[in-house]
Amino acid sequence: MKVSQVVDALEWRVLAGAGKLDSEVNGGYVADLLSCVMAGAQSGDLWITLQTHANIVAVASLLNISAIVVAEGAPVPETTLSKAEEQGVPVLSTAEPVYQTVARMVELGI
């Protein structure tokens, strides 16, 4: 499944990286500690987090994460979104809590 299909199915907002939504989604990873993400996330994952600082883009880029999903409607600073655009990393947003976000992803078969 492509990121664009997940965005459409779950009605998420695209905050940055709209031109990179054709990446395949291979799974998901949930964590807020960057060191945990670096140790456990896989290429092609959707990364669900509450973190919004610019370092999330660097980690996602390093690991070839398909998209960062910021849950609970957490506001994402413009500096983070600018960095995401520069590096071609999609940043998505949902108002749902992390648990519900993951549950809906599982329903989609991710």
Protein backbone atom coordinates (compact mmCIF):
# COMPACT_ATOMS: atom_id res chain seq x y z
CA MET A 1 0.00 0.00 0.00
CA LYS A 2 1.26 3.48 -0.81
CA VAL A 3 1.38 6.40 1.62
CA SER A 4 -1.21 8.24 -0.50
CA GLN A 5 -3.65 5.33 -0.11
CA VAL A 6 -3.21 5.33 3.67
CA VAL A 7 -3.71 9.11 3.79
CA ASP A 8 -6.94 8.79 1.80
CA ALA A 9 -8.28 5.82 3.75
CA LEU A 10 -7.58 7.30 7.18
CA GLU A 11 -8.27 10.93 6.24
CA TRP A 12 -4.94 12.23 7.50
CA ARG A 13 -3.63 15.69 6.64
CA VAL A 14 -0.46 16.11 4.63
CA LEU A 15 1.67 18.83 6.23
CA ALA A 16 4.83 18.36 4.14
CA GLY A 17 6.25 16.14 1.45
CA ALA A 18 3.12 15.89 -0.68
CA GLY A 19 5.26 14.99 -3.69
CA LYS A 20 6.59 11.86 -1.96
CA LEU A 21 3.35 10.06 -1.14
CA ASP A 22 4.01 7.31 -3.68
CA SER A 23 6.36 5.44 -1.32
CA GLU A 24 5.33 1.94 -0.28
CA VAL A 25 4.33 1.33 3.33
CA ASN A 26 5.82 -1.88 4.70
CA GLY A 27 4.79 -1.52 8.34
CA GLY A 28 4.64 0.86 11.23
CA TYR A 29 6.66 1.91 14.23
CA VAL A 30 5.59 3.85 17.31
CA ALA A 31 8.06 5.70 19.53
CA ASP A 32 8.96 9.16 20.69
CA LEU A 33 12.58 8.51 21.65
CA LEU A 34 14.75 9.04 18.59
CA SER A 35 17.23 6.41 19.76
CA CYS A 36 14.43 3.82 19.91
CA VAL A 37 13.32 4.73 16.38
CA MET A 38 16.88 4.48 15.10
CA ALA A 39 17.22 1.03 16.68
CA GLY A 40 13.83 -0.40 15.79
CA ALA A 41 12.15 1.26 12.82
CA GLN A 42 12.55 -0.24 9.37
CA SER A 43 12.78 1.26 5.91
CA GLY A 44 9.27 1.79 4.57
CA ASP A 45 7.61 2.13 7.97
CA LEU A 46 5.10 4.78 8.93
CA TRP A 47 6.49 6.33 12.11
CA ILE A 48 3.82 7.43 14.58
CA THR A 49 5.02 9.97 17.14
CA LEU A 50 4.14 13.00 19.23
CA GLN A 51 7.55 14.56 18.61
CA THR A 52 7.59 17.54 16.28
CA HIS A 53 11.11 19.00 16.43
CA ALA A 54 13.24 19.07 13.29
CA ASN A 55 15.36 16.09 14.34
CA ILE A 56 12.49 13.73 13.50
CA VAL A 57 13.05 14.56 9.84
CA ALA A 58 16.74 13.67 10.04
CA VAL A 59 15.96 10.30 11.62
CA ALA A 60 13.20 9.53 9.11
CA SER A 61 15.48 10.43 6.23
CA LEU A 62 18.35 8.35 7.59
CA LEU A 63 16.12 5.26 7.93
CA ASN A 64 14.14 5.80 4.71
CA ILE A 65 10.88 6.02 6.66
CA SER A 66 7.90 6.29 4.28
CA ALA A 67 6.26 9.04 6.38
CA ILE A 68 6.13 10.57 9.82
CA VAL A 69 2.65 10.57 11.36
CA VAL A 70 2.17 13.15 14.09
CA ALA A 71 -0.73 12.05 16.26
CA GLU A 72 -3.08 13.84 18.64
CA GLY A 73 -3.12 16.98 16.52
CA ALA A 74 0.25 18.07 17.90
CA PRO A 75 1.30 21.31 16.19
CA VAL A 76 4.36 20.91 13.97
CA PRO A 77 6.73 23.90 13.81
CA GLU A 78 7.37 25.49 10.44
CA THR A 79 11.08 24.75 10.77
CA THR A 80 10.30 21.03 10.91
CA LEU A 81 7.98 21.24 7.91
CA SER A 82 10.54 23.21 5.91
CA LYS A 83 13.22 20.64 6.66
CA ALA A 84 10.80 17.85 5.67
CA GLU A 85 10.10 19.54 2.34
CA GLU A 86 13.83 19.98 1.69
CA GLN A 87 14.56 16.33 2.43
CA GLY A 88 11.44 14.91 0.78
CA VAL A 89 10.02 13.37 3.95
CA PRO A 90 6.22 13.32 4.18
CA VAL A 91 4.84 14.62 7.47
CA LEU A 92 1.25 13.64 8.11
CA SER A 93 -1.12 14.67 10.87
CA THR A 94 -4.07 13.09 12.64
CA ALA A 95 -6.12 14.37 15.53
CA GLU A 96 -6.60 10.83 16.84
CA PRO A 97 -4.69 9.48 19.83
CA VAL A 98 -1.72 7.25 19.13
CA TYR A 99 -3.59 4.08 20.12
CA GLN A 100 -6.48 4.78 17.77
CA THR A 101 -4.06 5.73 14.98
CA VAL A 102 -2.30 2.39 15.27
CA ALA A 103 -5.57 0.48 15.55
CA ARG A 104 -6.83 2.00 12.31
CA MET A 105 -3.56 1.17 10.58
CA VAL A 106 -3.92 -2.45 11.69
CA GLU A 107 -7.48 -2.50 10.29
CA LEU A 108 -5.98 -1.47 6.94
CA GLY A 109 -3.57 -4.36 7.11
CA ILE A 110 -0.42 -2.36 7.81
